[in-house]
Amino acid sequence: MTVVYLSLLFGFLCFFAFPKTNEANMQVEQLLKLMKSTMFSRPAELCSLADGALSPVFVGQQEGLMAADKIDALPGQPEGVDFVQYSGYVTVEPKKGRALFYYFAESPQNSSTKPLVLWLNGGPGCSSLGYGAFEEIGPFRVKSDGKTLYRNKYAWNNVANVLFLESPVGVGFSYSNTSDDIYSNGDNRTAEDSYTFLANWFERFPQYKGRDFFISGESYAGHYIPQLAATILRHNKGGSNQAAINLRGVAVSELHLNVFKEQRT
């Protein structure tokens, strides 16, 4: 059953795969067309994200931070864990003190050749750590005592290296030192912050540069994922100051696009 489940997972991911280079421009146009369609709750608000000029991306000093982020063991972790874990903060806006929290679980076997998957929970406002990592696709589940963990045999890190991002700022452990940041959140800034997170994260984990990269999530990630994917492809295409991210596909489960239309169907 495990083999079937994991095969279906990556069949789903690859179904939404992007071509490497030749058709990249067409993929950008298709994503932007989707984002501007009436399927989305507020298509007009997406125009600046879709058509605006690319801003320089902040990238901070990342040397030594990968080692600092390595987890020796989680509280209540079972014995015999055979994969490496990391967690920490990535600053995405230094002037306002905006930083996003992540948890990263490498694959137990052949992590150096397996793809990288970014997981985003929806909401908006749902924790990718509390839900995605510890109730859904992560390597552990929490026992009924609320203190100890056990292995999830269907964890996605069996077939990929999985990165869980707490986004936007104010969700989970992600924070800002500027209070109005929390009240001015929006999909455009969420996409920009998530891209800045990735640009810095790849500097922190340079061994993953160029690795096949997928974005997956659920619920309101039906907004987050196509907007982040479009942002990545626009930076890849537009001569960004960052190395291209090798985005290979996206997948969304139970996607939420337009609450008013969904309630009528």
C-alpha atoms as a PDB file:
ATOM      1  CA  MET A   1       0.000   0.000   0.000  1.00  0.00           C
ATOM      2  CA  THR A   2       2.859   2.368   0.802  1.00  0.00           C
ATOM      3  CA  VAL A   3       4.374   1.913  -2.653  1.00  0.00           C
ATOM      4  CA  VAL A   4       1.036   2.612  -4.333  1.00  0.00           C
ATOM      5  CA  TYR A   5       0.487   5.733  -2.199  1.00  0.00           C
ATOM      6  CA  LEU A   6       3.915   7.151  -2.953  1.00  0.00           C
ATOM      7  CA  SER A   7       3.635   6.350  -6.647  1.00  0.00           C
ATOM      8  CA  LEU A   8       0.327   8.202  -6.805  1.00  0.00           C
ATOM      9  CA  LEU A   9       1.898  11.146  -4.994  1.00  0.00           C
ATOM     10  CA  PHE A  10       4.617  11.731  -7.539  1.00  0.00           C
ATOM     11  CA  GLY A  11       2.356  10.868 -10.417  1.00  0.00           C
ATOM     12  CA  PHE A  12       0.185  13.754  -9.177  1.00  0.00           C
ATOM     13  CA  LEU A  13       3.154  16.079  -8.875  1.00  0.00           C
ATOM     14  CA  CYS A  14       4.480  15.259 -12.307  1.00  0.00           C
ATOM     15  CA  PHE A  15       1.029  15.674 -13.862  1.00  0.00           C
ATOM     16  CA  PHE A  16       1.352  19.383 -13.151  1.00  0.00           C
ATOM     17  CA  ALA A  17       4.975  19.468 -14.274  1.00  0.00           C
ATOM     18  CA  PHE A  18       6.629  22.403 -15.976  1.00  0.00           C
ATOM     19  CA  PRO A  19       8.953  21.971 -18.956  1.00  0.00           C
ATOM     20  CA  LYS A  20      12.564  22.872 -18.296  1.00  0.00           C
ATOM     21  CA  THR A  21      13.187  25.861 -20.527  1.00  0.00           C
ATOM     22  CA  ASN A  22      11.653  25.870 -24.013  1.00  0.00           C
ATOM     23  CA  GLU A  23       8.080  26.404 -22.875  1.00  0.00           C
ATOM     24  CA  ALA A  24       8.808  28.461 -19.744  1.00  0.00           C
ATOM     25  CA  ASN A  25       7.330  31.630 -21.216  1.00  0.00           C
ATOM     26  CA  MET A  26       4.086  29.837 -22.039  1.00  0.00           C
ATOM     27  CA  GLN A  27       3.873  28.488 -18.490  1.00  0.00           C
ATOM     28  CA  VAL A  28       4.205  32.000 -17.073  1.00  0.00           C
ATOM     29  CA  GLU A  29       1.418  33.210 -19.321  1.00  0.00           C
ATOM     30  CA  GLN A  30      -0.851  30.316 -18.355  1.00  0.00           C
ATOM     31  CA  LEU A  31      -0.316  30.901 -14.641  1.00  0.00           C
ATOM     32  CA  LEU A  32      -0.957  34.618 -14.972  1.00  0.00           C
ATOM     33  CA  LYS A  33      -4.079  33.904 -17.019  1.00  0.00           C
ATOM     34  CA  LEU A  34      -5.362  31.661 -14.230  1.00  0.00           C
ATOM     35  CA  MET A  35      -4.559  34.255 -11.580  1.00  0.00           C
ATOM     36  CA  LYS A  36      -6.446  36.977 -13.451  1.00  0.00           C
ATOM     37  CA  SER A  37      -9.474  34.804 -14.140  1.00  0.00           C
ATOM     38  CA  THR A  38     -12.765  35.057 -12.285  1.00  0.00           C
ATOM     39  CA  MET A  39     -11.916  31.782 -10.547  1.00  0.00           C
ATOM     40  CA  PHE A  40      -9.914  33.836  -8.090  1.00  0.00           C
ATOM     41  CA  SER A  41     -11.669  35.847  -5.391  1.00  0.00           C
ATOM     42  CA  ARG A  42      -9.876  39.100  -6.190  1.00  0.00           C
ATOM     43  CA  PRO A  43      -8.362  38.849  -9.689  1.00  0.00           C
ATOM     44  CA  ALA A  44      -7.868  42.611 -10.004  1.00  0.00           C
ATOM     45  CA  GLU A  45      -5.544  42.659  -7.003  1.00  0.00           C
ATOM     46  CA  LEU A  46      -3.214  40.208  -8.744  1.00  0.00           C
ATOM     47  CA  CYS A  47      -2.309  42.526 -11.599  1.00  0.00           C
ATOM     48  CA  SER A  48       0.686  44.081  -9.845  1.00  0.00           C
ATOM     49  CA  LEU A  49       2.065  40.642  -9.038  1.00  0.00           C
ATOM     50  CA  ALA A  50       1.459  39.447 -12.576  1.00  0.00           C
ATOM     51  CA  ASP A  51       2.617  42.490 -14.516  1.00  0.00           C
ATOM     52  CA  GLY A  52       4.673  44.691 -12.199  1.00  0.00           C
ATOM     53  CA  ALA A  53       8.404  45.221 -12.439  1.00  0.00           C
ATOM     54  CA  LEU A  54      10.583  42.778 -10.543  1.00  0.00           C
ATOM     55  CA  SER A  55      12.126  44.236  -7.400  1.00  0.00           C
ATOM     56  CA  PRO A  56      15.633  43.367  -6.210  1.00  0.00           C
ATOM     57  CA  VAL A  57      15.547  40.411  -3.835  1.00  0.00           C
ATOM     58  CA  PHE A  58      17.098  40.717  -0.379  1.00  0.00           C
ATOM     59  CA  VAL A  59      19.606  37.955   0.336  1.00  0.00           C
ATOM     60  CA  GLY A  60      21.340  37.939   3.698  1.00  0.00           C
ATOM     61  CA  GLN A  61      24.483  36.222   4.899  1.00  0.00           C
ATOM     62  CA  GLN A  62      23.729  32.499   5.145  1.00  0.00           C
ATOM     63  CA  GLU A  63      27.147  30.991   5.831  1.00  0.00           C
ATOM     64  CA  GLY A  64      27.110  28.660   8.826  1.00  0.00           C
ATOM     65  CA  LEU A  65      23.344  28.840   9.322  1.00  0.00           C
ATOM     66  CA  MET A  66      22.599  25.408   7.879  1.00  0.00           C
ATOM     67  CA  ALA A  67      24.737  23.783  10.568  1.00  0.00           C
ATOM     68  CA  ALA A  68      23.157  26.003  13.224  1.00  0.00           C
ATOM     69  CA  ASP A  69      19.664  24.942  12.098  1.00  0.00           C
ATOM     70  CA  LYS A  70      20.345  21.213  12.322  1.00  0.00           C
ATOM     71  CA  ILE A  71      18.085  19.429  14.827  1.00  0.00           C
ATOM     72  CA  ASP A  72      19.747  16.908  17.133  1.00  0.00           C
ATOM     73  CA  ALA A  73      16.388  15.412  18.123  1.00  0.00           C
ATOM     74  CA  LEU A  74      12.832  16.643  18.566  1.00  0.00           C
ATOM     75  CA  PRO A  75      11.204  16.391  22.007  1.00  0.00           C
ATOM     76  CA  GLY A  76       9.597  12.970  22.311  1.00  0.00           C
ATOM     77  CA  GLN A  77      11.216  11.733  19.119  1.00  0.00           C
ATOM     78  CA  PRO A  78      11.319   7.925  18.757  1.00  0.00           C
ATOM     79  CA  GLU A  79      14.597   6.053  18.575  1.00  0.00           C
ATOM     80  CA  GLY A  80      16.150   5.002  15.302  1.00  0.00           C
ATOM     81  CA  VAL A  81      15.383   8.126  13.262  1.00  0.00           C
ATOM     82  CA  ASP A  82      17.427   7.733  10.085  1.00  0.00           C
ATOM     83  CA  PHE A  83      17.073  11.128   8.421  1.00  0.00           C
ATOM     84  CA  VAL A  84      18.362  14.652   9.033  1.00  0.00           C
ATOM     85  CA  GLN A  85      16.086  17.486  10.178  1.00  0.00           C
ATOM     86  CA  TYR A  86      16.513  21.249  10.260  1.00  0.00           C
ATOM     87  CA  SER A  87      14.467  24.200  11.451  1.00  0.00           C
ATOM     88  CA  GLY A  88      15.022  27.909  11.791  1.00  0.00           C
ATOM     89  CA  TYR A  89      14.235  31.408  10.611  1.00  0.00           C
ATOM     90  CA  VAL A  90      14.940  33.119   7.309  1.00  0.00           C
ATOM     91  CA  THR A  91      14.770  36.917   7.278  1.00  0.00           C
ATOM     92  CA  VAL A  92      12.827  38.200   4.279  1.00  0.00           C
ATOM     93  CA  GLU A  93      12.625  41.919   5.180  1.00  0.00           C
ATOM     94  CA  PRO A  94      15.416  43.146   7.483  1.00  0.00           C
ATOM     95  CA  LYS A  95      14.190  46.735   7.948  1.00  0.00           C
ATOM     96  CA  LYS A  96      10.866  45.585   9.380  1.00  0.00           C
ATOM     97  CA  GLY A  97      12.291  42.484  11.011  1.00  0.00           C
ATOM     98  CA  ARG A  98      10.123  40.087   9.015  1.00  0.00           C
ATOM     99  CA  ALA A  99      11.207  36.449   9.244  1.00  0.00           C
ATOM    100  CA  LEU A 100       9.633  33.157   8.163  1.00  0.00           C
ATOM    101  CA  PHE A 101      10.019  29.880  10.054  1.00  0.00           C
ATOM    102  CA  TYR A 102      10.658  26.552   8.352  1.00  0.00           C
ATOM    103  CA  TYR A 103      10.996  22.860   9.218  1.00  0.00           C
ATOM    104  CA  PHE A 104      12.893  20.626   6.808  1.00  0.00           C
ATOM    105  CA  ALA A 105      13.016  16.822   6.756  1.00  0.00           C
ATOM    106  CA  GLU A 106      15.452  15.184   4.375  1.00  0.00           C
ATOM    107  CA  SER A 107      14.744  11.783   2.903  1.00  0.00           C
ATOM    108  CA  PRO A 108      16.150   8.772   4.797  1.00  0.00           C
ATOM    109  CA  GLN A 109      17.636   7.315   1.608  1.00  0.00           C
ATOM    110  CA  ASN A 110      19.418   9.011  -1.292  1.00  0.00           C
ATOM    111  CA  SER A 111      18.557  12.516  -0.140  1.00  0.00           C
ATOM    112  CA  SER A 112      21.270  13.924  -2.411  1.00  0.00           C
ATOM    113  CA  THR A 113      19.403  12.817  -5.534  1.00  0.00           C
ATOM    114  CA  LYS A 114      15.756  13.089  -4.516  1.00  0.00           C
ATOM    115  CA  PRO A 115      13.666  16.167  -5.353  1.00  0.00           C
ATOM    116  CA  LEU A 116      12.803  19.016  -3.019  1.00  0.00           C
ATOM    117  CA  VAL A 117       9.126  19.621  -2.184  1.00  0.00           C
ATOM    118  CA  LEU A 118       7.845  22.815  -0.562  1.00  0.00           C
ATOM    119  CA  TRP A 119       4.624  22.289   1.427  1.00  0.00           C
ATOM    120  CA  LEU A 120       2.209  25.152   2.129  1.00  0.00           C
ATOM    121  CA  ASN A 121      -0.918  24.836   4.240  1.00  0.00           C
ATOM    122  CA  GLY A 122      -3.822  27.127   3.476  1.00  0.00           C
ATOM    123  CA  GLY A 123      -6.312  28.908   5.660  1.00  0.00           C
ATOM    124  CA  PRO A 124      -5.232  31.580   5.137  1.00  0.00           C
ATOM    125  CA  GLY A 125      -3.457  31.396   8.475  1.00  0.00           C
ATOM    126  CA  CYS A 126      -3.013  27.637   8.855  1.00  0.00           C
ATOM    127  CA  SER A 127       0.334  26.415  10.197  1.00  0.00           C
ATOM    128  CA  SER A 128       2.377  24.218   7.877  1.00  0.00           C
ATOM    129  CA  LEU A 129       4.233  22.970  10.944  1.00  0.00           C
ATOM    130  CA  GLY A 130       1.281  22.164  13.188  1.00  0.00           C
ATOM    131  CA  TYR A 131      -0.890  20.684  10.444  1.00  0.00           C
ATOM    132  CA  GLY A 132       1.215  19.744   7.423  1.00  0.00           C
ATOM    133  CA  ALA A 133       4.238  18.434   9.280  1.00  0.00           C
ATOM    134  CA  PHE A 134       2.621  16.790  12.311  1.00  0.00           C
ATOM    135  CA  GLU A 135      -0.914  15.891  11.211  1.00  0.00           C
ATOM    136  CA  GLU A 136      -0.648  15.243   7.482  1.00  0.00           C
ATOM    137  CA  ILE A 137       2.448  14.484   5.394  1.00  0.00           C
ATOM    138  CA  GLY A 138       5.369  14.958   7.800  1.00  0.00           C
ATOM    139  CA  PRO A 139       7.655  12.247   9.177  1.00  0.00           C
ATOM    140  CA  PHE A 140       6.040  12.176  12.635  1.00  0.00           C
ATOM    141  CA  ARG A 141       2.636  12.147  14.280  1.00  0.00           C
ATOM    142  CA  VAL A 142       1.901  13.135  17.889  1.00  0.00           C
ATOM    143  CA  LYS A 143       0.643  10.447  20.264  1.00  0.00           C
ATOM    144  CA  SER A 144      -2.479  10.984  22.358  1.00  0.00           C
ATOM    145  CA  ASP A 145      -0.334  11.928  25.377  1.00  0.00           C
ATOM    146  CA  GLY A 146       0.636  15.116  23.532  1.00  0.00           C
ATOM    147  CA  LYS A 147       4.297  14.575  24.417  1.00  0.00           C
ATOM    148  CA  THR A 148       5.742  11.778  22.311  1.00  0.00           C
ATOM    149  CA  LEU A 149       6.026  11.210  18.583  1.00  0.00           C
ATOM    150  CA  TYR A 150       5.744   8.200  16.333  1.00  0.00           C
ATOM    151  CA  ARG A 151       6.763   7.669  12.706  1.00  0.00           C
ATOM    152  CA  ASN A 152       4.302   8.303   9.909  1.00  0.00           C
ATOM    153  CA  LYS A 153       4.802   5.437   7.462  1.00  0.00           C
ATOM    154  CA  TYR A 154       3.163   7.463   4.691  1.00  0.00           C
ATOM    155  CA  ALA A 155       5.431  10.490   5.157  1.00  0.00           C
ATOM    156  CA  TRP A 156       6.365  12.296   1.980  1.00  0.00           C
ATOM    157  CA  ASN A 157      10.016  12.418   2.975  1.00  0.00           C
ATOM    158  CA  ASN A 158      10.143   8.720   2.068  1.00  0.00           C
ATOM    159  CA  VAL A 159      10.307   9.849  -1.555  1.00  0.00           C
ATOM    160  CA  ALA A 160      11.464  13.478  -1.369  1.00  0.00           C
ATOM    161  CA  ASN A 161      13.147  16.090   0.792  1.00  0.00           C
ATOM    162  CA  VAL A 162      10.244  18.065   2.263  1.00  0.00           C
ATOM    163  CA  LEU A 163      10.346  21.716   3.312  1.00  0.00           C
ATOM    164  CA  PHE A 164       7.471  23.060   5.437  1.00  0.00           C
ATOM    165  CA  LEU A 165       7.083  26.859   5.420  1.00  0.00           C
ATOM    166  CA  GLU A 166       5.080  28.908   7.951  1.00  0.00           C
ATOM    167  CA  SER A 167       3.601  31.585   5.704  1.00  0.00           C
ATOM    168  CA  PRO A 168       2.522  34.382   5.594  1.00  0.00           C
ATOM    169  CA  VAL A 169       4.153  36.310   8.421  1.00  0.00           C
ATOM    170  CA  GLY A 170       2.123  35.951  11.611  1.00  0.00           C
ATOM    171  CA  VAL A 171       1.317  32.291  10.958  1.00  0.00           C
ATOM    172  CA  GLY A 172       2.819  29.801  13.397  1.00  0.00           C
ATOM    173  CA  PHE A 173       6.312  30.851  14.435  1.00  0.00           C
ATOM    174  CA  SER A 174       6.808  33.352  11.593  1.00  0.00           C
ATOM    175  CA  TYR A 175       6.920  36.917  12.903  1.00  0.00           C
ATOM    176  CA  SER A 176       7.579  40.573  12.236  1.00  0.00           C
ATOM    177  CA  ASN A 177       8.995  43.248  14.514  1.00  0.00           C
ATOM    178  CA  THR A 178       6.631  45.731  12.845  1.00  0.00           C
ATOM    179  CA  SER A 179       3.081  45.232  14.065  1.00  0.00           C
ATOM    180  CA  ASP A 180       1.317  46.642  11.011  1.00  0.00           C
ATOM    181  CA  ASP A 181       2.964  43.906   8.927  1.00  0.00           C
ATOM    182  CA  ILE A 182       0.455  41.492  10.406  1.00  0.00           C
ATOM    183  CA  TYR A 183      -2.512  43.649   9.393  1.00  0.00           C
ATOM    184  CA  SER A 184      -1.229  44.425   5.905  1.00  0.00           C
ATOM    185  CA  ASN A 185      -0.724  40.831   4.795  1.00  0.00           C
ATOM    186  CA  GLY A 186      -1.934  39.992   1.309  1.00  0.00           C
ATOM    187  CA  ASP A 187      -1.417  37.434  -1.421  1.00  0.00           C
ATOM    188  CA  ASN A 188       1.020  39.606  -3.373  1.00  0.00           C
ATOM    189  CA  ARG A 189       3.353  40.104  -0.428  1.00  0.00           C
ATOM    190  CA  THR A 190       2.987  36.479   0.592  1.00  0.00           C
ATOM    191  CA  ALA A 191       4.270  35.400  -2.828  1.00  0.00           C
ATOM    192  CA  GLU A 192       7.118  37.919  -2.715  1.00  0.00           C
ATOM    193  CA  ASP A 193       8.110  36.929   0.833  1.00  0.00           C
ATOM    194  CA  SER A 194       7.977  33.234  -0.048  1.00  0.00           C
ATOM    195  CA  TYR A 195      10.215  33.826  -3.060  1.00  0.00           C
ATOM    196  CA  THR A 196      12.654  35.806  -0.912  1.00  0.00           C
ATOM    197  CA  PHE A 197      12.585  32.969   1.615  1.00  0.00           C
ATOM    198  CA  LEU A 198      13.510  30.489  -1.114  1.00  0.00           C
ATOM    199  CA  ALA A 199      16.295  32.680  -2.498  1.00  0.00           C
ATOM    200  CA  ASN A 200      17.859  32.834   0.969  1.00  0.00           C
ATOM    201  CA  TRP A 201      17.147  29.197   1.814  1.00  0.00           C
ATOM    202  CA  PHE A 202      18.954  27.989  -1.304  1.00  0.00           C
ATOM    203  CA  GLU A 203      21.971  30.050  -0.239  1.00  0.00           C
ATOM    204  CA  ARG A 204      21.785  28.415   3.187  1.00  0.00           C
ATOM    205  CA  PHE A 205      21.429  24.963   1.605  1.00  0.00           C
ATOM    206  CA  PRO A 206      23.475  25.350  -1.604  1.00  0.00           C
ATOM    207  CA  GLN A 207      23.467  21.605  -2.270  1.00  0.00           C
ATOM    208  CA  TYR A 208      19.819  21.979  -3.296  1.00  0.00           C
ATOM    209  CA  LYS A 209      20.437  24.609  -5.971  1.00  0.00           C
ATOM    210  CA  GLY A 210      19.341  23.213  -9.306  1.00  0.00           C
ATOM    211  CA  ARG A 211      17.509  20.292  -7.696  1.00  0.00           C
ATOM    212  CA  ASP A 212      14.108  19.370  -9.127  1.00  0.00           C
ATOM    213  CA  PHE A 213      11.702  21.512  -7.104  1.00  0.00           C
ATOM    214  CA  PHE A 214       7.958  21.045  -6.559  1.00  0.00           C
ATOM    215  CA  ILE A 215       5.407  23.145  -4.671  1.00  0.00           C
ATOM    216  CA  SER A 216       2.452  21.427  -3.042  1.00  0.00           C
ATOM    217  CA  GLY A 217      -0.252  22.314  -0.541  1.00  0.00           C
ATOM    218  CA  GLU A 218      -3.954  22.443   0.175  1.00  0.00           C
ATOM    219  CA  SER A 219      -6.924  24.747   0.701  1.00  0.00           C
ATOM    220  CA  TYR A 220      -5.985  28.441   0.348  1.00  0.00           C
ATOM    221  CA  ALA A 221      -2.673  27.273  -1.083  1.00  0.00           C
ATOM    222  CA  GLY A 222      -4.783  27.243  -4.243  1.00  0.00           C
ATOM    223  CA  HIS A 223      -3.893  30.951  -4.188  1.00  0.00           C
ATOM    224  CA  TYR A 224      -0.408  30.717  -2.704  1.00  0.00           C
ATOM    225  CA  ILE A 225       0.955  28.070  -5.066  1.00  0.00           C
ATOM    226  CA  PRO A 226       0.146  29.486  -8.531  1.00  0.00           C
ATOM    227  CA  GLN A 227       1.179  32.961  -7.389  1.00  0.00           C
ATOM    228  CA  LEU A 228       4.487  31.732  -5.977  1.00  0.00           C
ATOM    229  CA  ALA A 229       5.063  29.586  -9.069  1.00  0.00           C
ATOM    230  CA  ALA A 230       4.426  32.593 -11.319  1.00  0.00           C
ATOM    231  CA  THR A 231       6.790  34.707  -9.202  1.00  0.00           C
ATOM    232  CA  ILE A 232       9.514  32.067  -9.505  1.00  0.00           C
ATOM    233  CA  LEU A 233       9.076  31.753 -13.270  1.00  0.00           C
ATOM    234  CA  ARG A 234       9.060  35.526 -13.743  1.00  0.00           C
ATOM    235  CA  HIS A 235      12.320  35.833 -11.816  1.00  0.00           C
ATOM    236  CA  ASN A 236      13.794  32.922 -13.769  1.00  0.00           C
ATOM    237  CA  LYS A 237      12.774  34.589 -17.026  1.00  0.00           C
ATOM    238  CA  GLY A 238      13.438  38.200 -16.127  1.00  0.00           C
ATOM    239  CA  GLY A 239      17.124  38.234 -15.304  1.00  0.00           C
ATOM    240  CA  SER A 240      16.677  38.329 -11.538  1.00  0.00           C
ATOM    241  CA  ASN A 241      19.716  38.805  -9.330  1.00  0.00           C
ATOM    242  CA  GLN A 242      19.103  35.226  -8.131  1.00  0.00           C
ATOM    243  CA  ALA A 243      19.978  31.882  -9.652  1.00  0.00           C
ATOM    244  CA  ALA A 244      17.052  30.221 -11.383  1.00  0.00           C
ATOM    245  CA  ILE A 245      14.932  27.887  -9.269  1.00  0.00           C
ATOM    246  CA  ASN A 246      14.358  24.584 -11.070  1.00  0.00           C
ATOM    247  CA  LEU A 247      10.588  24.516 -10.634  1.00  0.00           C
ATOM    248  CA  ARG A 248       9.301  21.256 -12.101  1.00  0.00           C
ATOM    249  CA  GLY A 249       5.682  21.125 -11.002  1.00  0.00           C
ATOM    250  CA  VAL A 250       2.904  22.085  -8.613  1.00  0.00           C
ATOM    251  CA  ALA A 251       0.101  20.149  -6.917  1.00  0.00           C
ATOM    252  CA  VAL A 252      -2.842  21.388  -4.868  1.00  0.00           C
ATOM    253  CA  SER A 253      -5.344  19.352  -2.863  1.00  0.00           C
ATOM    254  CA  GLU A 254      -8.839  20.607  -1.979  1.00  0.00           C
ATOM    255  CA  LEU A 255      -7.919  23.944  -3.456  1.00  0.00           C
ATOM    256  CA  HIS A 256      -9.748  27.095  -2.418  1.00  0.00           C
ATOM    257  CA  LEU A 257      -9.982  29.791  -5.088  1.00  0.00           C
ATOM    258  CA  ASN A 258     -13.249  31.681  -4.716  1.00  0.00           C
ATOM    259  CA  VAL A 259     -15.313  31.156  -1.574  1.00  0.00           C
ATOM    260  CA  PHE A 260     -18.465  32.721  -3.028  1.00  0.00           C
ATOM    261  CA  LYS A 261     -18.550  30.468  -6.075  1.00  0.00           C
ATOM    262  CA  GLU A 262     -17.554  27.420  -4.053  1.00  0.00           C
ATOM    263  CA  GLN A 263     -20.403  27.941  -1.593  1.00  0.00           C
ATOM    264  CA  ARG A 264     -22.895  27.978  -4.465  1.00  0.00           C
ATOM    265  CA  THR A 265     -21.650  24.695  -5.970  1.00  0.00           C
END
